[in-house]
Amino acid sequence: YTSDTATAFNSVTHICRDVNYGWLLRYMHANGASMFFICLYLHVGRGLYYGSYTYTETWNMGVFLLFAVMATAFMGYVLPWGQMSFWGATVITNLLSAIPYIGTDIVE
């Protein structure tokens, strides 16, 4: 994999088409990440159901970790730098501009 925006997509395409079982590795990684998020959301739902939010320190740390994992997943989504990645990054960064007072500074 190369992290240059000009060659990232071609690098991922090479892995999927030319490397032995590269397609399998990529799709197992993508589906594994999706399953991780399903488990994460089930865990949050369980915490809501059982009232774990009453333990504020633990709950706040869990919410922080949720946002950290979501930010990491977003970076992984953008890494191939295909059309979906580009427009996904564009939409998310434009959503950040809706934050009052600091949103436009974050986007710039």
Protein backbone atom coordinates (compact mmCIF):
# COMPACT_ATOMS: atom_id res chain seq x y z
CA TYR A 1 0.00 0.00 0.00
CA THR A 2 1.18 3.53 -0.78
CA SER A 3 -0.23 6.49 1.09
CA ASP A 4 0.21 9.02 -1.72
CA THR A 5 -3.14 10.36 -2.95
CA ALA A 6 -2.07 9.89 -6.56
CA THR A 7 -1.27 6.19 -6.19
CA ALA A 8 -3.36 4.93 -3.23
CA PHE A 9 -6.28 3.71 -5.33
CA ASN A 10 -4.00 1.90 -7.79
CA SER A 11 -2.19 0.30 -4.87
CA VAL A 12 -5.43 -1.10 -3.42
CA THR A 13 -6.50 -2.27 -6.88
CA HIS A 14 -3.15 -4.05 -7.28
CA ILE A 15 -3.62 -5.80 -3.93
CA CYS A 16 -7.11 -6.98 -4.90
CA ARG A 17 -6.30 -8.12 -8.43
CA ASP A 18 -2.66 -9.22 -8.50
CA VAL A 19 -1.70 -10.39 -5.00
CA ASN A 20 -2.64 -13.99 -4.17
CA TYR A 21 -5.80 -13.88 -2.07
CA GLY A 22 -5.44 -10.10 -1.75
CA TRP A 23 -9.13 -9.68 -2.47
CA LEU A 24 -9.94 -12.09 0.35
CA LEU A 25 -7.71 -10.24 2.78
CA ARG A 26 -9.25 -6.89 1.89
CA TYR A 27 -12.85 -8.06 2.16
CA MET A 28 -12.23 -9.97 5.38
CA HIS A 29 -10.70 -6.79 6.81
CA ALA A 30 -13.68 -4.68 5.68
CA ASN A 31 -16.27 -7.15 6.98
CA GLY A 32 -14.35 -7.62 10.21
CA ALA A 33 -14.43 -3.86 10.78
CA SER A 34 -18.17 -3.84 10.15
CA MET A 35 -18.68 -6.70 12.60
CA PHE A 36 -16.58 -4.83 15.16
CA PHE A 37 -18.93 -1.85 14.89
CA ILE A 38 -21.99 -4.07 15.17
CA CYS A 39 -20.57 -5.49 18.40
CA LEU A 40 -19.70 -1.98 19.59
CA TYR A 41 -23.25 -0.72 19.00
CA LEU A 42 -24.69 -3.79 20.73
CA HIS A 43 -22.43 -3.06 23.69
CA VAL A 44 -23.64 0.56 23.84
CA GLY A 45 -27.24 -0.63 23.56
CA ARG A 46 -26.70 -3.07 26.40
CA GLY A 47 -25.27 -0.25 28.50
CA LEU A 48 -28.34 1.86 27.79
CA TYR A 49 -30.69 -1.02 28.58
CA TYR A 50 -29.06 -1.84 31.92
CA GLY A 51 -28.64 1.81 32.95
CA SER A 52 -24.86 1.83 32.91
CA TYR A 53 -24.96 5.53 32.07
CA THR A 54 -25.48 6.23 35.77
CA TYR A 55 -21.76 5.50 36.26
CA THR A 56 -20.76 8.78 34.66
CA GLU A 57 -16.98 8.31 34.59
CA THR A 58 -17.25 4.91 32.95
CA TRP A 59 -19.94 6.09 30.55
CA ASN A 60 -17.95 9.20 29.54
CA MET A 61 -14.87 7.09 28.86
CA GLY A 62 -16.99 4.75 26.74
CA VAL A 63 -18.39 7.65 24.72
CA PHE A 64 -14.86 9.00 24.22
CA LEU A 65 -13.68 5.58 23.04
CA LEU A 66 -16.68 5.33 20.69
CA PHE A 67 -15.77 8.62 19.03
CA ALA A 68 -12.08 7.62 18.87
CA VAL A 69 -12.98 4.33 17.16
CA MET A 70 -15.32 6.15 14.76
CA ALA A 71 -12.53 8.60 13.86
CA THR A 72 -10.13 5.70 13.28
CA ALA A 73 -12.70 3.95 11.08
CA PHE A 74 -13.20 7.14 9.10
CA MET A 75 -9.46 7.34 8.44
CA GLY A 76 -9.50 3.72 7.29
CA TYR A 77 -12.42 4.48 4.98
CA VAL A 78 -10.58 7.40 3.41
CA LEU A 79 -7.23 5.59 2.94
CA PRO A 80 -7.96 3.94 -0.46
CA TRP A 81 -8.77 7.41 -1.86
CA GLY A 82 -11.32 6.25 -4.42
CA GLN A 83 -14.44 8.19 -5.38
CA MET A 84 -16.41 6.96 -2.37
CA SER A 85 -13.52 7.84 -0.06
CA PHE A 86 -13.13 11.31 -1.52
CA TRP A 87 -16.82 12.17 -1.28
CA GLY A 88 -17.11 10.59 2.16
CA ALA A 89 -14.27 12.79 3.37
CA THR A 90 -15.89 15.82 1.74
CA VAL A 91 -19.25 15.17 3.42
CA ILE A 92 -17.79 14.51 6.88
CA THR A 93 -15.56 17.58 6.82
CA ASN A 94 -18.50 19.70 5.69
CA LEU A 95 -20.55 18.29 8.57
CA LEU A 96 -17.85 19.49 10.95
CA SER A 97 -18.36 23.03 9.68
CA ALA A 98 -21.85 22.97 11.25
CA ILE A 99 -20.35 23.02 14.76
CA PRO A 100 -21.05 26.47 16.22
CA TYR A 101 -18.13 28.88 16.70
CA ILE A 102 -15.29 26.44 15.91
CA GLY A 103 -16.62 24.44 12.95
CA THR A 104 -15.25 26.62 10.17
CA ASP A 105 -11.84 26.76 11.85
CA ILE A 106 -11.74 22.96 12.09
CA VAL A 107 -12.51 22.54 8.38
CA GLU A 108 -9.90 25.06 7.27
